[in-house]
Amino acid sequence: MSEQAQPTFSIQRIYLKDLSLEQPNAPQILLEQGQPQVDVQLNLHGEPVQEGLFEVTVMATVTTKINDKVLFLVEAKQAGLFEIRNIPQDQLQPILAIACPQIVYPYLRATVADVINRTGFPPVHLTEVNFQAMYEAQMQQAANGQA
């Protein structure tokens, strides 16, 4: 009788992979009056590191402008190293695109808020993200692209 290996999912490490802060127009921009416009871009990336070990990175770019001049720009990459073994192949992609980012994202939110707070400006709190809805939308787009 063959014994099937148990599925494994565990967090090995959560870490800050990259962080950049720019205030290209300081100090003059600090004297500008006006309502800042905030643009947030979010990206995901997942890749195998070795057998059963995957790195998932959640990246945020926060660009804040006043009167079309950059007030500050923050780019942050928060990553997690996950052990994922004995999972059916059709379930691996949803784990990498939904479960892992949900674990990493709160750390990214805290990092971005903290670094912006250190600029002397009120922190920008990234909104909650529904990674399952993002994944389903990407799958729908892919299906529509194939049709």
N, C-alpha and C. Protein backbone atom coordinates (compact mmCIF):
# COMPACT_ATOMS: atom_id res chain seq x y z
N MET A 1 0.85 -1.16 0.00
CA MET A 1 0.00 0.00 0.00
C MET A 1 0.90 1.24 0.00
N SER A 2 0.65 2.15 -0.95
CA SER A 2 1.48 3.35 -1.04
C SER A 2 0.89 4.47 -0.18
N GLU A 3 1.78 5.14 0.50
CA GLU A 3 1.35 6.23 1.37
C GLU A 3 1.59 7.55 0.65
N GLN A 4 0.52 8.34 0.53
CA GLN A 4 0.65 9.63 -0.16
C GLN A 4 1.17 10.67 0.83
N ALA A 5 2.14 11.48 0.36
CA ALA A 5 2.73 12.51 1.22
C ALA A 5 1.70 13.57 1.56
N GLN A 6 1.79 14.05 2.77
CA GLN A 6 0.87 15.09 3.25
C GLN A 6 1.18 16.43 2.58
N PRO A 7 0.14 17.19 2.22
CA PRO A 7 0.38 18.55 1.70
C PRO A 7 1.03 19.41 2.77
N THR A 8 1.97 20.27 2.33
CA THR A 8 2.69 21.15 3.25
C THR A 8 2.61 22.58 2.75
N PHE A 9 2.28 23.48 3.66
CA PHE A 9 2.32 24.92 3.39
C PHE A 9 2.83 25.58 4.65
N SER A 10 4.00 26.21 4.55
CA SER A 10 4.52 26.91 5.73
C SER A 10 5.31 28.14 5.31
N ILE A 11 5.31 29.11 6.19
CA ILE A 11 6.06 30.35 5.97
C ILE A 11 7.48 30.12 6.49
N GLN A 12 8.44 30.29 5.63
CA GLN A 12 9.83 30.16 6.05
C GLN A 12 10.38 31.51 6.54
N ARG A 13 9.99 32.59 5.83
CA ARG A 13 10.51 33.90 6.19
C ARG A 13 9.72 34.98 5.46
N ILE A 14 9.50 36.11 6.12
CA ILE A 14 8.94 37.31 5.50
C ILE A 14 10.03 38.37 5.61
N TYR A 15 10.33 39.06 4.50
CA TYR A 15 11.44 40.01 4.53
C TYR A 15 11.23 41.15 3.55
N LEU A 16 11.86 42.28 3.86
CA LEU A 16 11.86 43.44 2.98
C LEU A 16 12.96 43.22 1.96
N LYS A 17 12.57 43.14 0.69
CA LYS A 17 13.52 42.84 -0.37
C LYS A 17 14.14 44.11 -0.97
N ASP A 18 13.35 45.18 -1.06
CA ASP A 18 13.85 46.41 -1.66
C ASP A 18 12.99 47.57 -1.15
N LEU A 19 13.62 48.72 -0.95
CA LEU A 19 12.90 49.91 -0.50
C LEU A 19 13.60 51.14 -1.04
N SER A 20 12.80 52.03 -1.63
CA SER A 20 13.35 53.26 -2.19
C SER A 20 12.41 54.41 -1.86
N LEU A 21 13.00 55.52 -1.44
CA LEU A 21 12.26 56.75 -1.17
C LEU A 21 12.95 57.88 -1.88
N GLU A 22 12.18 58.64 -2.65
CA GLU A 22 12.74 59.79 -3.34
C GLU A 22 11.87 61.01 -3.07
N GLN A 23 12.51 62.13 -2.83
CA GLN A 23 11.86 63.44 -2.75
C GLN A 23 12.62 64.35 -3.71
N PRO A 24 12.41 64.16 -5.02
CA PRO A 24 13.26 64.83 -6.00
C PRO A 24 13.12 66.35 -6.04
N ASN A 25 12.02 66.89 -5.56
CA ASN A 25 11.81 68.33 -5.63
C ASN A 25 11.91 69.03 -4.28
N ALA A 26 12.44 68.32 -3.28
CA ALA A 26 12.62 68.93 -1.97
C ALA A 26 13.83 69.86 -2.01
N PRO A 27 13.86 70.94 -1.32
CA PRO A 27 12.87 71.40 -0.36
C PRO A 27 11.79 72.31 -0.98
N GLN A 28 11.94 72.72 -2.24
CA GLN A 28 10.99 73.67 -2.83
C GLN A 28 9.55 73.15 -2.81
N ILE A 29 9.37 71.85 -3.07
CA ILE A 29 8.02 71.29 -3.13
C ILE A 29 7.32 71.36 -1.78
N LEU A 30 8.10 71.42 -0.71
CA LEU A 30 7.53 71.48 0.63
C LEU A 30 6.81 72.80 0.88
N LEU A 31 7.09 73.80 0.07
CA LEU A 31 6.45 75.11 0.20
C LEU A 31 5.19 75.22 -0.65
N GLU A 32 4.96 74.24 -1.54
CA GLU A 32 3.78 74.26 -2.43
C GLU A 32 2.51 74.08 -1.63
N GLN A 33 1.47 74.76 -2.07
CA GLN A 33 0.14 74.59 -1.48
C GLN A 33 -0.71 73.79 -2.45
N GLY A 34 -1.60 73.02 -1.93
CA GLY A 34 -2.49 72.25 -2.80
C GLY A 34 -2.77 70.88 -2.23
N GLN A 35 -3.74 70.24 -2.82
CA GLN A 35 -4.13 68.90 -2.38
C GLN A 35 -3.27 67.88 -3.12
N PRO A 36 -2.56 67.04 -2.39
CA PRO A 36 -1.72 66.04 -3.06
C PRO A 36 -2.58 64.98 -3.77
N GLN A 37 -2.09 64.53 -4.92
CA GLN A 37 -2.70 63.41 -5.62
C GLN A 37 -1.82 62.20 -5.38
N VAL A 38 -2.43 61.11 -4.96
CA VAL A 38 -1.69 59.90 -4.64
C VAL A 38 -2.05 58.81 -5.66
N ASP A 39 -1.02 58.23 -6.26
CA ASP A 39 -1.21 57.12 -7.20
C ASP A 39 -0.49 55.91 -6.63
N VAL A 40 -1.21 54.79 -6.54
CA VAL A 40 -0.64 53.56 -6.00
C VAL A 40 -0.71 52.47 -7.06
N GLN A 41 0.42 51.87 -7.34
CA GLN A 41 0.50 50.72 -8.26
C GLN A 41 0.94 49.51 -7.45
N LEU A 42 0.27 48.40 -7.69
CA LEU A 42 0.56 47.18 -6.94
C LEU A 42 0.85 46.05 -7.93
N ASN A 43 1.89 45.28 -7.67
CA ASN A 43 2.25 44.15 -8.52
C ASN A 43 2.63 42.95 -7.66
N LEU A 44 2.45 41.77 -8.25
CA LEU A 44 2.82 40.51 -7.60
C LEU A 44 3.79 39.75 -8.47
N HIS A 45 4.65 38.99 -7.81
CA HIS A 45 5.55 38.11 -8.55
C HIS A 45 5.83 36.90 -7.69
N GLY A 46 5.73 35.74 -8.29
CA GLY A 46 6.05 34.51 -7.58
C GLY A 46 6.91 33.62 -8.44
N GLU A 47 7.89 32.97 -7.80
CA GLU A 47 8.77 32.09 -8.55
C GLU A 47 9.35 31.01 -7.64
N PRO A 48 9.63 29.86 -8.23
CA PRO A 48 10.27 28.81 -7.43
C PRO A 48 11.73 29.18 -7.14
N VAL A 49 12.17 28.85 -5.94
CA VAL A 49 13.55 29.09 -5.53
C VAL A 49 14.33 27.79 -5.63
N GLN A 50 13.71 26.74 -5.16
CA GLN A 50 14.22 25.39 -5.28
C GLN A 50 13.03 24.46 -5.09
N GLU A 51 13.24 23.18 -5.17
CA GLU A 51 12.15 22.22 -5.06
C GLU A 51 11.34 22.45 -3.77
N GLY A 52 10.06 22.77 -3.95
CA GLY A 52 9.16 22.95 -2.81
C GLY A 52 9.28 24.28 -2.10
N LEU A 53 10.11 25.20 -2.60
CA LEU A 53 10.31 26.50 -1.96
C LEU A 53 10.04 27.60 -2.98
N PHE A 54 9.16 28.54 -2.61
CA PHE A 54 8.74 29.60 -3.52
C PHE A 54 8.90 30.96 -2.86
N GLU A 55 9.31 31.94 -3.66
CA GLU A 55 9.36 33.32 -3.20
C GLU A 55 8.20 34.06 -3.84
N VAL A 56 7.42 34.75 -3.03
CA VAL A 56 6.32 35.58 -3.51
C VAL A 56 6.61 37.01 -3.07
N THR A 57 6.62 37.93 -4.04
CA THR A 57 6.93 39.33 -3.78
C THR A 57 5.72 40.19 -4.11
N VAL A 58 5.37 41.07 -3.18
CA VAL A 58 4.33 42.07 -3.41
C VAL A 58 5.03 43.41 -3.47
N MET A 59 4.81 44.13 -4.58
CA MET A 59 5.49 45.40 -4.81
C MET A 59 4.48 46.54 -4.86
N ALA A 60 4.81 47.64 -4.23
CA ALA A 60 3.96 48.84 -4.27
C ALA A 60 4.80 50.03 -4.70
N THR A 61 4.23 50.83 -5.57
CA THR A 61 4.82 52.11 -5.95
C THR A 61 3.81 53.18 -5.60
N VAL A 62 4.19 54.08 -4.72
CA VAL A 62 3.31 55.17 -4.29
C VAL A 62 3.93 56.48 -4.77
N THR A 63 3.23 57.15 -5.66
CA THR A 63 3.68 58.43 -6.19
C THR A 63 2.72 59.50 -5.72
N THR A 64 3.23 60.50 -5.05
CA THR A 64 2.40 61.60 -4.56
C THR A 64 2.89 62.88 -5.21
N LYS A 65 1.93 63.61 -5.80
CA LYS A 65 2.26 64.85 -6.50
C LYS A 65 1.41 66.00 -5.98
N ILE A 66 1.99 67.20 -6.08
CA ILE A 66 1.26 68.44 -5.85
C ILE A 66 1.51 69.30 -7.09
N ASN A 67 0.44 69.75 -7.70
CA ASN A 67 0.55 70.58 -8.91
C ASN A 67 1.46 69.95 -9.96
N ASP A 68 1.29 68.66 -10.19
CA ASP A 68 2.06 67.89 -11.19
C ASP A 68 3.55 67.79 -10.89
N LYS A 69 3.96 68.12 -9.69
CA LYS A 69 5.36 67.94 -9.27
C LYS A 69 5.39 66.84 -8.22
N VAL A 70 6.39 65.96 -8.33
CA VAL A 70 6.49 64.84 -7.40
C VAL A 70 6.87 65.35 -6.02
N LEU A 71 6.02 65.03 -5.06
CA LEU A 71 6.28 65.33 -3.65
C LEU A 71 7.19 64.24 -3.08
N PHE A 72 6.77 62.98 -3.25
CA PHE A 72 7.61 61.85 -2.90
C PHE A 72 7.18 60.62 -3.68
N LEU A 73 8.14 59.72 -3.81
CA LEU A 73 7.94 58.46 -4.51
C LEU A 73 8.51 57.35 -3.65
N VAL A 74 7.69 56.37 -3.33
CA VAL A 74 8.12 55.23 -2.53
C VAL A 74 7.92 53.97 -3.36
N GLU A 75 8.96 53.16 -3.45
CA GLU A 75 8.87 51.85 -4.07
C GLU A 75 9.31 50.83 -3.03
N ALA A 76 8.46 49.85 -2.79
CA ALA A 76 8.78 48.84 -1.78
C ALA A 76 8.44 47.46 -2.31
N LYS A 77 9.33 46.51 -2.00
CA LYS A 77 9.11 45.11 -2.34
C LYS A 77 9.21 44.29 -1.06
N GLN A 78 8.11 43.71 -0.68
CA GLN A 78 8.07 42.85 0.49
C GLN A 78 7.92 41.42 -0.02
N ALA A 79 8.69 40.51 0.50
CA ALA A 79 8.68 39.15 -0.02
C ALA A 79 8.49 38.14 1.10
N GLY A 80 8.07 36.98 0.68
CA GLY A 80 7.95 35.86 1.59
C GLY A 80 8.51 34.61 0.95
N LEU A 81 9.10 33.79 1.76
CA LEU A 81 9.62 32.50 1.32
C LEU A 81 8.70 31.45 1.91
N PHE A 82 8.10 30.64 1.03
CA PHE A 82 7.08 29.67 1.45
C PHE A 82 7.48 28.27 1.02
N GLU A 83 7.31 27.34 1.94
CA GLU A 83 7.48 25.94 1.59
C GLU A 83 6.11 25.41 1.20
N ILE A 84 6.03 24.91 -0.02
CA ILE A 84 4.76 24.39 -0.55
C ILE A 84 5.10 23.05 -1.21
N ARG A 85 4.60 21.99 -0.62
CA ARG A 85 4.91 20.64 -1.15
C ARG A 85 3.64 19.79 -1.21
N ASN A 86 3.66 18.86 -2.16
CA ASN A 86 2.59 17.87 -2.30
C ASN A 86 1.22 18.50 -2.50
N ILE A 87 1.20 19.61 -3.23
CA ILE A 87 -0.04 20.30 -3.58
C ILE A 87 -0.31 19.99 -5.05
N PRO A 88 -1.54 19.62 -5.40
CA PRO A 88 -1.85 19.39 -6.81
C PRO A 88 -1.49 20.63 -7.65
N GLN A 89 -0.96 20.37 -8.84
CA GLN A 89 -0.47 21.45 -9.70
C GLN A 89 -1.54 22.50 -9.97
N ASP A 90 -2.80 22.09 -10.12
CA ASP A 90 -3.87 23.05 -10.41
C ASP A 90 -4.19 23.94 -9.22
N GLN A 91 -3.72 23.59 -8.03
CA GLN A 91 -3.96 24.41 -6.83
C GLN A 91 -2.76 25.29 -6.47
N LEU A 92 -1.62 25.05 -7.11
CA LEU A 92 -0.42 25.80 -6.77
C LEU A 92 -0.53 27.28 -7.13
N GLN A 93 -0.98 27.58 -8.34
CA GLN A 93 -1.07 28.98 -8.77
C GLN A 93 -1.99 29.81 -7.87
N PRO A 94 -3.20 29.33 -7.51
CA PRO A 94 -4.02 30.11 -6.58
C PRO A 94 -3.35 30.34 -5.22
N ILE A 95 -2.58 29.37 -4.75
CA ILE A 95 -1.87 29.56 -3.47
C ILE A 95 -0.84 30.67 -3.61
N LEU A 96 -0.08 30.64 -4.72
CA LEU A 96 0.95 31.67 -4.94
C LEU A 96 0.35 33.05 -5.21
N ALA A 97 -0.84 33.10 -5.81
CA ALA A 97 -1.44 34.38 -6.20
C ALA A 97 -2.43 34.92 -5.17
N ILE A 98 -2.89 34.08 -4.25
CA ILE A 98 -3.90 34.54 -3.28
C ILE A 98 -3.40 34.40 -1.85
N ALA A 99 -3.12 33.17 -1.44
CA ALA A 99 -2.77 32.92 -0.04
C ALA A 99 -1.45 33.59 0.37
N CYS A 100 -0.42 33.43 -0.45
CA CYS A 100 0.88 34.00 -0.09
C CYS A 100 0.85 35.53 -0.05
N PRO A 101 0.31 36.21 -1.08
CA PRO A 101 0.25 37.68 -1.00
C PRO A 101 -0.57 38.19 0.19
N GLN A 102 -1.62 37.45 0.58
CA GLN A 102 -2.41 37.87 1.73
C GLN A 102 -1.57 37.86 3.01
N ILE A 103 -0.59 37.00 3.07
CA ILE A 103 0.30 36.93 4.23
C ILE A 103 1.34 38.04 4.17
N VAL A 104 1.89 38.31 2.99
CA VAL A 104 2.97 39.29 2.82
C VAL A 104 2.45 40.73 2.87
N TYR A 105 1.28 40.98 2.32
CA TYR A 105 0.78 42.35 2.12
C TYR A 105 0.71 43.19 3.40
N PRO A 106 0.25 42.68 4.53
CA PRO A 106 0.24 43.54 5.74
C PRO A 106 1.62 44.09 6.12
N TYR A 107 2.65 43.33 5.87
CA TYR A 107 4.01 43.80 6.14
C TYR A 107 4.37 44.94 5.18
N LEU A 108 3.97 44.80 3.93
CA LEU A 108 4.21 45.85 2.94
C LEU A 108 3.47 47.13 3.33
N ARG A 109 2.22 46.99 3.74
CA ARG A 109 1.43 48.16 4.16
C ARG A 109 2.12 48.90 5.30
N ALA A 110 2.61 48.17 6.28
CA ALA A 110 3.28 48.78 7.43
C ALA A 110 4.58 49.47 7.00
N THR A 111 5.33 48.83 6.12
CA THR A 111 6.59 49.40 5.64
C THR A 111 6.35 50.71 4.91
N VAL A 112 5.38 50.71 4.00
CA VAL A 112 5.08 51.92 3.22
C VAL A 112 4.61 53.05 4.14
N ALA A 113 3.71 52.76 5.06
CA ALA A 113 3.22 53.78 5.97
C ALA A 113 4.36 54.34 6.83
N ASP A 114 5.23 53.46 7.29
CA ASP A 114 6.34 53.89 8.14
C ASP A 114 7.32 54.79 7.39
N VAL A 115 7.72 54.40 6.19
CA VAL A 115 8.71 55.19 5.46
C VAL A 115 8.13 56.55 5.07
N ILE A 116 6.85 56.60 4.72
CA ILE A 116 6.24 57.89 4.39
C ILE A 116 6.14 58.76 5.64
N ASN A 117 5.81 58.17 6.75
CA ASN A 117 5.74 58.90 8.02
C ASN A 117 7.10 59.51 8.35
N ARG A 118 8.18 58.83 8.01
CA ARG A 118 9.53 59.33 8.28
C ARG A 118 9.91 60.51 7.39
N THR A 119 9.14 60.74 6.31
CA THR A 119 9.39 61.91 5.46
C THR A 119 8.86 63.18 6.11
N GLY A 120 8.05 63.03 7.14
CA GLY A 120 7.44 64.19 7.78
C GLY A 120 6.01 64.42 7.29
N PHE A 121 5.55 63.58 6.37
CA PHE A 121 4.18 63.68 5.88
C PHE A 121 3.32 62.65 6.58
N PRO A 122 2.01 62.88 6.58
CA PRO A 122 1.12 61.85 7.14
C PRO A 122 1.28 60.56 6.32
N PRO A 123 1.25 59.41 6.98
CA PRO A 123 1.44 58.16 6.25
C PRO A 123 0.32 57.89 5.25
N VAL A 124 0.66 57.23 4.17
CA VAL A 124 -0.33 56.74 3.22
C VAL A 124 -0.59 55.29 3.61
N HIS A 125 -1.82 55.00 3.95
CA HIS A 125 -2.19 53.63 4.32
C HIS A 125 -2.77 52.95 3.10
N LEU A 126 -2.07 51.96 2.58
CA LEU A 126 -2.57 51.22 1.43
C LEU A 126 -3.87 50.53 1.81
N THR A 127 -4.82 50.55 0.88
CA THR A 127 -6.12 49.93 1.16
C THR A 127 -5.99 48.41 1.18
N GLU A 128 -6.96 47.78 1.78
CA GLU A 128 -7.00 46.31 1.77
C GLU A 128 -7.16 45.85 0.32
N VAL A 129 -6.59 44.72 0.01
CA VAL A 129 -6.66 44.17 -1.34
C VAL A 129 -7.29 42.78 -1.28
N ASN A 130 -8.22 42.54 -2.17
CA ASN A 130 -8.83 41.22 -2.30
C ASN A 130 -8.05 40.47 -3.37
N PHE A 131 -7.06 39.69 -2.94
CA PHE A 131 -6.20 38.99 -3.88
C PHE A 131 -6.96 37.91 -4.65
N GLN A 132 -8.00 37.37 -4.04
CA GLN A 132 -8.80 36.37 -4.75
C GLN A 132 -9.54 37.01 -5.91
N ALA A 133 -10.12 38.18 -5.69
CA ALA A 133 -10.81 38.89 -6.78
C ALA A 133 -9.82 39.28 -7.88
N MET A 134 -8.61 39.71 -7.49
CA MET A 134 -7.58 40.03 -8.48
C MET A 134 -7.23 38.81 -9.32
N TYR A 135 -7.04 37.68 -8.66
CA TYR A 135 -6.69 36.45 -9.35
C TYR A 135 -7.81 36.02 -10.31
N GLU A 136 -9.05 36.08 -9.82
CA GLU A 136 -10.19 35.68 -10.66
C GLU A 136 -10.33 36.61 -11.86
N ALA A 137 -10.07 37.90 -11.67
CA ALA A 137 -10.13 38.85 -12.79
C ALA A 137 -9.05 38.54 -13.81
N GLN A 138 -7.84 38.21 -13.34
CA GLN A 138 -6.75 37.86 -14.26
C GLN A 138 -7.08 36.58 -15.03
N MET A 139 -7.67 35.60 -14.35
CA MET A 139 -8.05 34.35 -15.02
C MET A 139 -9.14 34.61 -16.06
N GLN A 140 -10.07 35.52 -15.73
CA GLN A 140 -11.14 35.87 -16.67
C GLN A 140 -10.57 36.58 -17.90
N GLN A 141 -9.64 37.49 -17.66
CA GLN A 141 -8.97 38.18 -18.78
C GLN A 141 -8.22 37.21 -19.66
N ALA A 142 -7.54 36.27 -19.04
CA ALA A 142 -6.80 35.26 -19.80
C ALA A 142 -7.75 34.39 -20.62
N ALA A 143 -8.88 34.02 -20.01
CA ALA A 143 -9.87 33.21 -20.73
C ALA A 143 -10.46 33.99 -21.90
N ASN A 144 -10.73 35.27 -21.69
CA ASN A 144 -11.29 36.10 -22.76
C ASN A 144 -10.27 36.31 -23.87
N GLY A 145 -9.00 36.39 -23.51
CA GLY A 145 -7.94 36.55 -24.49
C GLY A 145 -7.78 35.33 -25.37
N GLN A 146 -8.06 34.15 -24.81
CA GLN A 146 -7.94 32.92 -25.58
C GLN A 146 -9.15 32.67 -26.46
N ALA A 147 -10.29 33.26 -26.09
CA ALA A 147 -11.53 33.01 -26.84
C ALA A 147 -11.53 33.73 -28.18
